[in-house]
PDB file of N, CA and C in Angstrom:
ATOM      1  N   LEU A   1     102.070 132.918 -35.966  1.00  0.00           N
ATOM      2  CA  LEU A   1     102.928 132.057 -36.759  1.00  0.00           C
ATOM      3  C   LEU A   1     103.011 132.642 -38.159  1.00  0.00           C
ATOM      4  N   ASP A   2     104.101 133.271 -38.475  1.00  0.00           N
ATOM      5  CA  ASP A   2     104.294 133.886 -39.786  1.00  0.00           C
ATOM      6  C   ASP A   2     104.541 132.804 -40.836  1.00  0.00           C
ATOM      7  N   GLU A   3     104.007 133.022 -42.022  1.00  0.00           N
ATOM      8  CA  GLU A   3     104.115 132.044 -43.112  1.00  0.00           C
ATOM      9  C   GLU A   3     103.701 130.655 -42.622  1.00  0.00           C
ATOM     10  N   PHE A   4     102.557 130.610 -41.989  1.00  0.00           N
ATOM     11  CA  PHE A   4     102.016 129.398 -41.373  1.00  0.00           C
ATOM     12  C   PHE A   4     102.061 128.169 -42.285  1.00  0.00           C
ATOM     13  N   PRO A   5     101.672 128.266 -43.560  1.00  0.00           N
ATOM     14  CA  PRO A   5     101.707 127.075 -44.417  1.00  0.00           C
ATOM     15  C   PRO A   5     103.102 126.478 -44.614  1.00  0.00           C
ATOM     16  N   SER A   6     104.143 127.276 -44.454  1.00  0.00           N
ATOM     17  CA  SER A   6     105.497 126.769 -44.694  1.00  0.00           C
ATOM     18  C   SER A   6     105.928 125.723 -43.668  1.00  0.00           C
ATOM     19  N   ILE A   7     105.281 125.689 -42.499  1.00  0.00           N
ATOM     20  CA  ILE A   7     105.643 124.673 -41.511  1.00  0.00           C
ATOM     21  C   ILE A   7     104.910 123.362 -41.746  1.00  0.00           C
ATOM     22  N   GLY A   8     103.986 123.349 -42.708  1.00  0.00           N
ATOM     23  CA  GLY A   8     103.284 122.115 -43.054  1.00  0.00           C
ATOM     24  C   GLY A   8     102.172 121.764 -42.081  1.00  0.00           C
ATOM     25  N   TYR A   9     101.655 120.572 -42.271  1.00  0.00           N
ATOM     26  CA  TYR A   9     100.529 120.089 -41.472  1.00  0.00           C
ATOM     27  C   TYR A   9     100.948 119.877 -40.024  1.00  0.00           C
ATOM     28  N   MET A  10     100.177 120.460 -39.125  1.00  0.00           N
ATOM     29  CA  MET A  10     100.437 120.298 -37.692  1.00  0.00           C
ATOM     30  C   MET A  10      99.144 119.842 -37.021  1.00  0.00           C
ATOM     31  N   PRO A  11      99.016 118.543 -36.758  1.00  0.00           N
ATOM     32  CA  PRO A  11      97.771 118.030 -36.172  1.00  0.00           C
ATOM     33  C   PRO A  11      97.391 118.717 -34.861  1.00  0.00           C
ATOM     34  N   ILE A  12      98.376 119.077 -34.055  1.00  0.00           N
ATOM     35  CA  ILE A  12      98.083 119.704 -32.766  1.00  0.00           C
ATOM     36  C   ILE A  12      97.420 121.069 -32.947  1.00  0.00           C
ATOM     37  N   ILE A  13      97.789 121.793 -33.990  1.00  0.00           N
ATOM     38  CA  ILE A  13      97.162 123.094 -34.265  1.00  0.00           C
ATOM     39  C   ILE A  13      95.718 122.880 -34.707  1.00  0.00           C
ATOM     40  N   LYS A  14      95.515 121.915 -35.599  1.00  0.00           N
ATOM     41  CA  LYS A  14      94.155 121.637 -36.081  1.00  0.00           C
ATOM     42  C   LYS A  14      93.264 121.202 -34.925  1.00  0.00           C
ATOM     43  N   LYS A  15      93.747 120.293 -34.109  1.00  0.00           N
ATOM     44  CA  LYS A  15      92.955 119.773 -32.997  1.00  0.00           C
ATOM     45  C   LYS A  15      92.797 120.808 -31.885  1.00  0.00           C
ATOM     46  N   GLY A  16      93.858 121.517 -31.568  1.00  0.00           N
ATOM     47  CA  GLY A  16      93.845 122.422 -30.433  1.00  0.00           C
ATOM     48  C   GLY A  16      93.279 123.798 -30.688  1.00  0.00           C
ATOM     49  N   SER A  17      93.098 124.165 -31.955  1.00  0.00           N
ATOM     50  CA  SER A  17      92.653 125.532 -32.258  1.00  0.00           C
ATOM     51  C   SER A  17      91.317 125.869 -31.616  1.00  0.00           C
ATOM     52  N   GLY A  18      90.458 124.898 -31.448  1.00  0.00           N
ATOM     53  CA  GLY A  18      89.165 125.139 -30.826  1.00  0.00           C
ATOM     54  C   GLY A  18      89.237 125.279 -29.314  1.00  0.00           C
ATOM     55  N   TYR A  19      90.292 124.772 -28.705  1.00  0.00           N
ATOM     56  CA  TYR A  19      90.439 124.804 -27.247  1.00  0.00           C
ATOM     57  C   TYR A  19      91.227 126.005 -26.743  1.00  0.00           C
ATOM     58  N   ILE A  20      91.949 126.637 -27.621  1.00  0.00           N
ATOM     59  CA  ILE A  20      92.854 127.718 -27.229  1.00  0.00           C
ATOM     60  C   ILE A  20      92.126 128.848 -26.502  1.00  0.00           C
ATOM     61  N   ALA A  21      90.958 129.218 -26.997  1.00  0.00           N
ATOM     62  CA  ALA A  21      90.212 130.331 -26.392  1.00  0.00           C
ATOM     63  C   ALA A  21      89.874 130.056 -24.930  1.00  0.00           C
ATOM     64  N   GLY A  22      89.631 128.802 -24.594  1.00  0.00           N
ATOM     65  CA  GLY A  22      89.311 128.446 -23.216  1.00  0.00           C
ATOM     66  C   GLY A  22      90.453 128.710 -22.248  1.00  0.00           C
ATOM     67  N   PHE A  23      91.651 128.829 -22.767  1.00  0.00           N
ATOM     68  CA  PHE A  23      92.818 129.115 -21.945  1.00  0.00           C
ATOM     69  C   PHE A  23      93.249 130.577 -22.058  1.00  0.00           C
ATOM     70  N   LYS A  24      92.350 131.392 -22.622  1.00  0.00           N
ATOM     71  CA  LYS A  24      92.599 132.827 -22.814  1.00  0.00           C
ATOM     72  C   LYS A  24      93.843 133.093 -23.654  1.00  0.00           C
ATOM     73  N   LEU A  25      94.056 132.243 -24.651  1.00  0.00           N
ATOM     74  CA  LEU A  25      95.160 132.407 -25.586  1.00  0.00           C
ATOM     75  C   LEU A  25      94.608 132.809 -26.940  1.00  0.00           C
ATOM     76  N   LYS A  26      95.416 133.451 -27.727  1.00  0.00           N
ATOM     77  CA  LYS A  26      95.042 133.836 -29.089  1.00  0.00           C
ATOM     78  C   LYS A  26      96.072 133.266 -30.047  1.00  0.00           C
ATOM     79  N   LEU A  27      95.616 132.777 -31.169  1.00  0.00           N
ATOM     80  CA  LEU A  27      96.493 132.233 -32.196  1.00  0.00           C
ATOM     81  C   LEU A  27      96.386 133.124 -33.426  1.00  0.00           C
ATOM     82  N   LEU A  28      97.502 133.645 -33.868  1.00  0.00           N
ATOM     83  CA  LEU A  28      97.530 134.470 -35.070  1.00  0.00           C
ATOM     84  C   LEU A  28      98.382 133.755 -36.106  1.00  0.00           C
ATOM     85  N   THR A  29      97.738 133.266 -37.136  1.00  0.00           N
ATOM     86  CA  THR A  29      98.456 132.595 -38.219  1.00  0.00           C
ATOM     87  C   THR A  29      98.452 133.511 -39.432  1.00  0.00           C
ATOM     88  N   ILE A  30      99.566 133.557 -40.123  1.00  0.00           N
ATOM     89  CA  ILE A  30      99.702 134.436 -41.280  1.00  0.00           C
ATOM     90  C   ILE A  30      99.893 133.577 -42.517  1.00  0.00           C
ATOM     91  N   TYR A  31      99.028 133.789 -43.496  1.00  0.00           N
ATOM     92  CA  TYR A  31      99.116 133.044 -44.751  1.00  0.00           C
ATOM     93  C   TYR A  31      98.692 133.955 -45.886  1.00  0.00           C
ATOM     94  N   GLN A  32      99.090 133.604 -47.094  1.00  0.00           N
ATOM     95  CA  GLN A  32      98.853 134.463 -48.254  1.00  0.00           C
ATOM     96  C   GLN A  32      97.426 134.351 -48.793  1.00  0.00           C
ATOM     97  N   ASN A  33      96.884 133.141 -48.814  1.00  0.00           N
ATOM     98  CA  ASN A  33      95.518 132.961 -49.297  1.00  0.00           C
ATOM     99  C   ASN A  33      94.922 131.683 -48.717  1.00  0.00           C
ATOM    100  N   ILE A  34      93.618 131.595 -48.765  1.00  0.00           N
ATOM    101  CA  ILE A  34      92.901 130.475 -48.166  1.00  0.00           C
ATOM    102  C   ILE A  34      93.258 129.159 -48.844  1.00  0.00           C
ATOM    103  N   SER A  35      93.574 129.185 -50.122  1.00  0.00           N
ATOM    104  CA  SER A  35      93.906 127.944 -50.828  1.00  0.00           C
ATOM    105  C   SER A  35      95.135 127.263 -50.227  1.00  0.00           C
ATOM    106  N   GLN A  36      96.035 128.020 -49.615  1.00  0.00           N
ATOM    107  CA  GLN A  36      97.182 127.411 -48.933  1.00  0.00           C
ATOM    108  C   GLN A  36      96.710 126.536 -47.770  1.00  0.00           C
ATOM    109  N   LEU A  37      95.755 127.030 -47.008  1.00  0.00           N
ATOM    110  CA  LEU A  37      95.217 126.238 -45.903  1.00  0.00           C
ATOM    111  C   LEU A  37      94.442 125.038 -46.423  1.00  0.00           C
ATOM    112  N   ASN A  38      93.658 125.252 -47.484  1.00  0.00           N
ATOM    113  CA  ASN A  38      92.898 124.146 -48.074  1.00  0.00           C
ATOM    114  C   ASN A  38      93.826 123.025 -48.525  1.00  0.00           C
ATOM    115  N   GLU A  39      94.946 123.388 -49.108  1.00  0.00           N
ATOM    116  CA  GLU A  39      95.900 122.408 -49.623  1.00  0.00           C
ATOM    117  C   GLU A  39      96.498 121.560 -48.496  1.00  0.00           C
ATOM    118  N   ILE A  40      96.786 122.174 -47.371  1.00  0.00           N
ATOM    119  CA  ILE A  40      97.443 121.472 -46.269  1.00  0.00           C
ATOM    120  C   ILE A  40      96.448 120.780 -45.339  1.00  0.00           C
ATOM    121  N   TYR A  41      95.356 121.466 -44.986  1.00  0.00           N
ATOM    122  CA  TYR A  41      94.414 120.954 -43.996  1.00  0.00           C
ATOM    123  C   TYR A  41      93.108 120.446 -44.597  1.00  0.00           C
ATOM    124  N   GLY A  42      92.941 120.574 -45.901  1.00  0.00           N
ATOM    125  CA  GLY A  42      91.677 120.207 -46.526  1.00  0.00           C
ATOM    126  C   GLY A  42      90.670 121.326 -46.326  1.00  0.00           C
ATOM    127  N   VAL A  43      89.606 121.304 -47.109  1.00  0.00           N
ATOM    128  CA  VAL A  43      88.613 122.385 -47.052  1.00  0.00           C
ATOM    129  C   VAL A  43      87.985 122.475 -45.661  1.00  0.00           C
ATOM    130  N   GLU A  44      87.566 121.348 -45.108  1.00  0.00           N
ATOM    131  CA  GLU A  44      86.921 121.371 -43.790  1.00  0.00           C
ATOM    132  C   GLU A  44      87.910 121.738 -42.687  1.00  0.00           C
ATOM    133  N   GLY A  45      89.131 121.240 -42.781  1.00  0.00           N
ATOM    134  CA  GLY A  45      90.151 121.585 -41.789  1.00  0.00           C
ATOM    135  C   GLY A  45      90.479 123.067 -41.814  1.00  0.00           C
ATOM    136  N   ALA A  46      90.537 123.636 -43.016  1.00  0.00           N
ATOM    137  CA  ALA A  46      90.797 125.073 -43.155  1.00  0.00           C
ATOM    138  C   ALA A  46      89.657 125.882 -42.550  1.00  0.00           C
ATOM    139  N   LYS A  47      88.417 125.439 -42.770  1.00  0.00           N
ATOM    140  CA  LYS A  47      87.262 126.127 -42.182  1.00  0.00           C
ATOM    141  C   LYS A  47      87.340 126.089 -40.659  1.00  0.00           C
ATOM    142  N   THR A  48      87.730 124.945 -40.116  1.00  0.00           N
ATOM    143  CA  THR A  48      87.865 124.806 -38.664  1.00  0.00           C
ATOM    144  C   THR A  48      88.903 125.776 -38.123  1.00  0.00           C
ATOM    145  N   LEU A  49      90.054 125.831 -38.778  1.00  0.00           N
ATOM    146  CA  LEU A  49      91.106 126.749 -38.334  1.00  0.00           C
ATOM    147  C   LEU A  49      90.645 128.197 -38.404  1.00  0.00           C
ATOM    148  N   MET A  50      90.028 128.574 -39.517  1.00  0.00           N
ATOM    149  CA  MET A  50      89.607 129.970 -39.677  1.00  0.00           C
ATOM    150  C   MET A  50      88.504 130.349 -38.696  1.00  0.00           C
ATOM    151  N   SER A  51      87.612 129.415 -38.376  1.00  0.00           N
ATOM    152  CA  SER A  51      86.532 129.742 -37.443  1.00  0.00           C
ATOM    153  C   SER A  51      87.044 129.884 -36.013  1.00  0.00           C
ATOM    154  N   ALA A  52      88.214 129.336 -35.727  1.00  0.00           N
ATOM    155  CA  ALA A  52      88.788 129.435 -34.382  1.00  0.00           C
ATOM    156  C   ALA A  52      89.562 130.731 -34.170  1.00  0.00           C
ATOM    157  N   HIS A  53      89.646 131.556 -35.192  1.00  0.00           N
ATOM    158  CA  HIS A  53      90.372 132.822 -35.092  1.00  0.00           C
ATOM    159  C   HIS A  53      89.373 133.972 -34.930  1.00  0.00           C
ATOM    160  N   PRO A  54      89.236 134.514 -33.719  1.00  0.00           N
ATOM    161  CA  PRO A  54      88.259 135.578 -33.503  1.00  0.00           C
ATOM    162  C   PRO A  54      88.644 136.909 -34.148  1.00  0.00           C
ATOM    163  N   CYS A  55      89.896 137.091 -34.454  1.00  0.00           N
ATOM    164  CA  CYS A  55      90.371 138.341 -35.041  1.00  0.00           C
ATOM    165  C   CYS A  55      91.105 138.035 -36.334  1.00  0.00           C
ATOM    166  N   ARG A  56      90.795 138.773 -37.374  1.00  0.00           N
ATOM    167  CA  ARG A  56      91.464 138.566 -38.659  1.00  0.00           C
ATOM    168  C   ARG A  56      92.009 139.890 -39.162  1.00  0.00           C
ATOM    169  N   ILE A  57      93.211 139.826 -39.685  1.00  0.00           N
ATOM    170  CA  ILE A  57      93.827 140.981 -40.324  1.00  0.00           C
ATOM    171  C   ILE A  57      93.921 140.640 -41.798  1.00  0.00           C
ATOM    172  N   ILE A  58      93.258 141.415 -42.629  1.00  0.00           N
ATOM    173  CA  ILE A  58      93.202 141.121 -44.062  1.00  0.00           C
ATOM    174  C   ILE A  58      93.842 142.277 -44.809  1.00  0.00           C
ATOM    175  N   TYR A  59      94.780 141.933 -45.687  1.00  0.00           N
ATOM    176  CA  TYR A  59      95.510 142.970 -46.402  1.00  0.00           C
ATOM    177  C   TYR A  59      95.765 142.529 -47.829  1.00  0.00           C
ATOM    178  N   ALA A  60      95.448 143.369 -48.771  1.00  0.00           N
ATOM    179  CA  ALA A  60      95.769 143.173 -50.194  1.00  0.00           C
ATOM    180  C   ALA A  60      95.415 141.773 -50.699  1.00  0.00           C
ATOM    181  N   VAL A  61      94.136 141.461 -50.708  1.00  0.00           N
ATOM    182  CA  VAL A  61      93.675 140.154 -51.187  1.00  0.00           C
ATOM    183  C   VAL A  61      93.867 140.076 -52.697  1.00  0.00           C
ATOM    184  N   SER A  62      94.556 139.034 -53.145  1.00  0.00           N
ATOM    185  CA  SER A  62      94.845 138.913 -54.580  1.00  0.00           C
ATOM    186  C   SER A  62      93.991 137.859 -55.275  1.00  0.00           C
ATOM    187  N   GLU A  63      93.410 136.938 -54.521  1.00  0.00           N
ATOM    188  CA  GLU A  63      92.580 135.887 -55.103  1.00  0.00           C
ATOM    189  C   GLU A  63      91.114 136.331 -55.102  1.00  0.00           C
ATOM    190  N   GLU A  64      90.467 136.230 -56.258  1.00  0.00           N
ATOM    191  CA  GLU A  64      89.080 136.675 -56.373  1.00  0.00           C
ATOM    192  C   GLU A  64      88.155 135.878 -55.452  1.00  0.00           C
ATOM    193  N   ASP A  65      88.342 134.560 -55.383  1.00  0.00           N
ATOM    194  CA  ASP A  65      87.500 133.737 -54.506  1.00  0.00           C
ATOM    195  C   ASP A  65      87.647 134.152 -53.043  1.00  0.00           C
ATOM    196  N   ASP A  66      88.880 134.419 -52.625  1.00  0.00           N
ATOM    197  CA  ASP A  66      89.113 134.865 -51.252  1.00  0.00           C
ATOM    198  C   ASP A  66      88.424 136.199 -50.998  1.00  0.00           C
ATOM    199  N   ALA A  67      88.518 137.111 -51.954  1.00  0.00           N
ATOM    200  CA  ALA A  67      87.889 138.430 -51.808  1.00  0.00           C
ATOM    201  C   ALA A  67      86.373 138.294 -51.656  1.00  0.00           C
ATOM    202  N   LYS A  68      85.775 137.397 -52.429  1.00  0.00           N
ATOM    203  CA  LYS A  68      84.325 137.179 -52.333  1.00  0.00           C
ATOM    204  C   LYS A  68      83.945 136.620 -50.963  1.00  0.00           C
ATOM    205  N   LYS A  69      84.708 135.633 -50.484  1.00  0.00           N
ATOM    206  CA  LYS A  69      84.423 135.040 -49.174  1.00  0.00           C
ATOM    207  C   LYS A  69      84.564 136.076 -48.062  1.00  0.00           C
ATOM    208  N   ILE A  70      85.592 136.888 -48.144  1.00  0.00           N
ATOM    209  CA  ILE A  70      85.816 137.921 -47.131  1.00  0.00           C
ATOM    210  C   ILE A  70      84.697 138.950 -47.170  1.00  0.00           C
ATOM    211  N   SER A  71      84.298 139.343 -48.372  1.00  0.00           N
ATOM    212  CA  SER A  71      83.210 140.305 -48.525  1.00  0.00           C
ATOM    213  C   SER A  71      81.913 139.765 -47.920  1.00  0.00           C
ATOM    214  N   GLU A  72      81.633 138.484 -48.152  1.00  0.00           N
ATOM    215  CA  GLU A  72      80.432 137.869 -47.584  1.00  0.00           C
ATOM    216  C   GLU A  72      80.489 137.870 -46.059  1.00  0.00           C
ATOM    217  N   LYS A  73      81.656 137.589 -45.501  1.00  0.00           N
ATOM    218  CA  LYS A  73      81.812 137.587 -44.043  1.00  0.00           C
ATOM    219  C   LYS A  73      81.611 138.980 -43.450  1.00  0.00           C
ATOM    220  N   LEU A  74      82.090 139.997 -44.159  1.00  0.00           N
ATOM    221  CA  LEU A  74      81.963 141.366 -43.664  1.00  0.00           C
ATOM    222  C   LEU A  74      80.524 141.848 -43.695  1.00  0.00           C
ATOM    223  N   GLY A  75      79.763 141.417 -44.694  1.00  0.00           N
ATOM    224  CA  GLY A  75      78.369 141.801 -44.793  1.00  0.00           C
ATOM    225  C   GLY A  75      78.180 143.205 -45.351  1.00  0.00           C
ATOM    226  N   TYR A  76      76.974 143.708 -45.186  1.00  0.00           N
ATOM    227  CA  TYR A  76      76.620 145.021 -45.718  1.00  0.00           C
ATOM    228  C   TYR A  76      76.074 145.892 -44.601  1.00  0.00           C
ATOM    229  N   ILE A  77      76.327 147.170 -44.713  1.00  0.00           N
ATOM    230  CA  ILE A  77      75.791 148.114 -43.742  1.00  0.00           C
ATOM    231  C   ILE A  77      75.509 149.436 -44.458  1.00  0.00           C
ATOM    232  N   THR A  78      74.423 150.054 -44.094  1.00  0.00           N
ATOM    233  CA  THR A  78      74.084 151.362 -44.640  1.00  0.00           C
ATOM    234  C   THR A  78      74.170 152.371 -43.501  1.00  0.00           C
ATOM    235  N   THR A  79      74.877 153.442 -43.740  1.00  0.00           N
ATOM    236  CA  THR A  79      75.012 154.474 -42.712  1.00  0.00           C
ATOM    237  C   THR A  79      74.540 155.811 -43.257  1.00  0.00           C
ATOM    238  N   LYS A  80      74.142 156.667 -42.358  1.00  0.00           N
ATOM    239  CA  LYS A  80      73.769 158.028 -42.735  1.00  0.00           C
ATOM    240  C   LYS A  80      74.860 158.955 -42.242  1.00  0.00           C
ATOM    241  N   SER A  81      75.215 159.908 -43.095  1.00  0.00           N
ATOM    242  CA  SER A  81      76.237 160.859 -42.653  1.00  0.00           C
ATOM    243  C   SER A  81      75.660 162.243 -42.528  1.00  0.00           C
TER     244      SER A  81
END
């Protein structure tokens, strides 16, 4: 769903996002920053939606808070070359 926040609040997406994986379906929502989801679905609703997405594509993060959250999710790794 491109520009996901532009379609507004969709209760079926919020409720169904956790069940989708059981039907071997994937939901790809595209939004500019996490605050858009927070505004529409609330902080907890946004967390629920994001946790139901097993794959994330992240590109050109412009919000510092979003960058910090993404960095924390990615974690740290040390490699030897």
